[in-house]
Protein backbone atom coordinates (compact mmCIF):
# COMPACT_ATOMS: atom_id res chain seq x y z
CA UNK A 1 102.17 109.41 75.14
CA UNK A 2 103.17 108.99 78.81
CA UNK A 3 99.72 108.77 80.51
CA UNK A 4 101.11 108.52 84.07
CA UNK A 5 102.13 104.88 83.92
CA UNK A 6 102.51 103.54 87.44
CA UNK A 7 105.02 100.88 88.47
CA UNK A 8 108.11 99.31 86.97
CA UNK A 9 108.30 96.39 84.56
CA UNK A 10 111.54 94.81 85.87
CA UNK A 11 112.23 93.42 82.37
CA UNK A 12 109.58 90.75 82.87
CA UNK A 13 106.32 89.82 81.24
CA UNK A 14 103.09 90.58 83.07
CA UNK A 15 102.50 87.19 84.69
CA UNK A 16 106.15 86.87 85.76
CA UNK A 17 106.13 90.40 87.18
CA UNK A 18 102.95 89.75 89.16
CA UNK A 19 104.37 86.53 90.59
CA UNK A 20 107.65 88.31 91.41
CA UNK A 21 105.91 91.12 93.29
CA UNK A 22 103.64 88.61 95.02
CA UNK A 23 106.66 86.71 96.34
CA UNK A 24 108.44 89.90 97.48
CA UNK A 25 105.32 91.09 99.30
CA UNK A 26 104.78 87.69 100.93
CA UNK A 27 108.39 87.58 102.12
CA UNK A 28 108.10 91.09 103.55
CA UNK A 29 104.93 90.17 105.43
CA UNK A 30 106.30 86.89 106.75
CA UNK A 31 109.81 88.10 107.68
CA UNK A 32 108.93 91.77 108.27
CA UNK A 33 112.32 92.85 106.87
CA UNK A 34 113.94 92.06 103.52
CA UNK A 35 116.98 93.28 101.61
CA UNK A 36 116.67 93.91 97.88
CA UNK A 37 117.44 96.55 95.26
CA UNK A 38 116.12 100.05 95.82
CA UNK A 39 113.61 100.01 92.95
CA UNK A 40 112.22 96.64 94.00
CA UNK A 41 112.06 97.86 97.59
CA UNK A 42 109.99 100.91 96.66
CA UNK A 43 107.55 98.87 94.58
CA UNK A 44 107.21 96.24 97.31
CA UNK A 45 106.63 98.87 99.98
CA UNK A 46 103.92 100.45 97.84
CA UNK A 47 102.18 97.11 97.30
CA UNK A 48 102.36 96.08 100.96
CA UNK A 49 101.03 99.46 102.11
CA UNK A 50 97.92 98.96 99.98
CA UNK A 51 97.50 95.37 101.23
CA UNK A 52 97.77 96.44 104.89
CA UNK A 53 95.13 99.10 104.31
CA UNK A 54 92.78 96.44 102.89
CA UNK A 55 93.53 94.11 105.80
CA UNK A 56 92.77 96.82 108.36
CA UNK A 57 89.17 97.06 107.13
CA UNK A 58 88.69 93.42 108.15
CA UNK A 59 85.74 92.74 105.84
CA UNK A 60 84.95 89.83 103.54
CA UNK A 61 85.81 91.68 100.33
CA UNK A 62 89.21 92.64 101.73
CA UNK A 63 89.93 89.08 102.81
CA UNK A 64 89.06 87.72 99.38
CA UNK A 65 91.26 90.32 97.70
CA UNK A 66 94.19 89.51 99.98
CA UNK A 67 93.90 85.76 99.52
CA UNK A 68 93.89 86.38 95.76
CA UNK A 69 96.93 88.65 95.95
CA UNK A 70 99.07 86.66 98.44
CA UNK A 71 99.80 83.06 99.43
CA UNK A 72 97.48 81.85 102.18
CA UNK A 73 100.09 81.85 104.96
CA UNK A 74 101.10 85.45 104.21
CA UNK A 75 97.48 86.61 103.94
CA UNK A 76 96.61 84.94 107.24
CA UNK A 77 99.59 86.52 108.98
CA UNK A 78 98.65 89.89 107.50
CA UNK A 79 95.14 89.68 108.97
CA UNK A 80 96.04 88.15 112.33
CA UNK A 81 99.36 89.76 113.25
CA UNK A 82 100.39 92.67 111.04
CA UNK A 83 97.20 94.65 110.39
CA UNK A 84 96.07 94.91 114.05
CA UNK A 85 99.40 96.57 114.90
CA UNK A 86 98.61 99.44 112.52
CA UNK A 87 95.00 100.18 113.56
CA UNK A 88 95.94 103.56 115.01
CA UNK A 89 98.17 104.53 112.07
CA UNK A 90 96.78 106.13 108.90
CA UNK A 91 99.50 105.06 106.49
CA UNK A 92 103.26 104.82 106.35
CA UNK A 93 103.48 101.21 107.47
CA UNK A 94 106.83 100.49 105.78
CA UNK A 95 110.30 101.99 105.79
CA UNK A 96 112.84 101.85 102.94
CA UNK A 97 116.46 102.34 104.08
CA UNK A 98 119.22 102.75 101.49
CA UNK A 99 122.33 100.61 101.96
CA UNK A 100 124.62 101.74 99.17
CA UNK A 101 125.76 99.78 96.13
CA UNK A 102 126.09 96.02 95.74
CA UNK A 103 129.71 95.01 95.14
CA UNK A 104 128.99 92.58 92.33
CA UNK A 105 127.16 94.84 89.88
CA UNK A 106 126.84 98.23 91.57
CA UNK A 107 123.08 98.02 91.97
CA UNK A 108 121.71 100.33 94.68
CA UNK A 109 120.52 98.18 97.59
CA UNK A 110 117.90 98.89 100.25
CA UNK A 111 116.14 97.30 103.19
CA UNK A 112 112.35 97.30 103.37
CA UNK A 113 110.84 96.74 106.79
CA UNK A 114 107.52 97.01 108.52
CA UNK A 115 107.37 99.58 111.29
CA UNK A 116 106.68 98.66 114.92
CA UNK A 117 108.27 95.23 114.61
CA UNK A 118 108.36 93.15 117.80
CA UNK A 119 111.77 91.94 118.96
CA UNK A 120 110.76 88.26 118.72
CA UNK A 121 110.49 88.45 114.91
CA UNK A 122 114.04 89.80 114.61
CA UNK A 123 115.39 86.79 116.52
CA UNK A 124 113.57 84.39 114.19
CA UNK A 125 114.81 86.13 111.05
CA UNK A 126 118.53 85.92 111.86
CA UNK A 127 119.65 83.23 114.31
CA UNK A 128 123.17 83.95 115.58
CA UNK A 129 124.33 80.36 115.74
CA UNK A 130 122.94 76.90 115.13
CA UNK A 131 122.60 76.05 118.83
CA UNK A 132 120.26 78.97 119.58
CA UNK A 133 118.28 78.68 116.35
CA UNK A 134 114.61 79.55 116.92
CA UNK A 135 112.05 78.06 114.64
CA UNK A 136 109.22 80.00 113.06
CA UNK A 137 106.72 77.84 114.96
CA UNK A 138 108.19 78.93 118.30
CA UNK A 139 107.96 82.57 117.30
CA UNK A 140 104.34 82.15 116.19
CA UNK A 141 103.51 80.45 119.50
CA UNK A 142 105.18 83.28 121.41
CA UNK A 143 103.18 85.83 119.42
CA UNK A 144 99.94 83.97 120.22
CA UNK A 145 100.82 83.92 123.93
CA UNK A 146 101.52 87.65 123.86
CA UNK A 147 98.14 88.29 122.20
CA UNK A 148 96.34 86.21 124.84
CA UNK A 149 98.14 88.10 127.58
CA UNK A 150 97.15 91.44 126.03
CA UNK A 151 93.51 90.35 125.75
CA UNK A 152 93.43 89.32 129.42
CA UNK A 153 94.87 92.67 130.52
């Protein structure tokens, strides 16, 4: 009987599937935009939406749940940078954009991204050439400076 089973199995065992979704969610939080297959994108968006909602509450139980569900750097970024951006929004933190089919095997591809992304993160994700390559540390420092400037205002 069907019983409203939620989520996809991705032809993996339970522990492998959990680790796989954990890595996709962490990459989405750290990079704020990833390209993957459409089914994976939808599952990742669903997971990240729930994690952002927990992070917005900013309580001890939510922090413990996030640190259990994500690597520490992704969970920290989720609390410090991502969740405060969505305080005024009641859901719909991610966007899934279809790209068409992959040439190699015809799999439908999609981009998952967090809404309201700052421009500095886009520069860090895709450097145009090696001379102007920005490191993640520089982007994090810039984000901290922007936060301090907003607090002073």
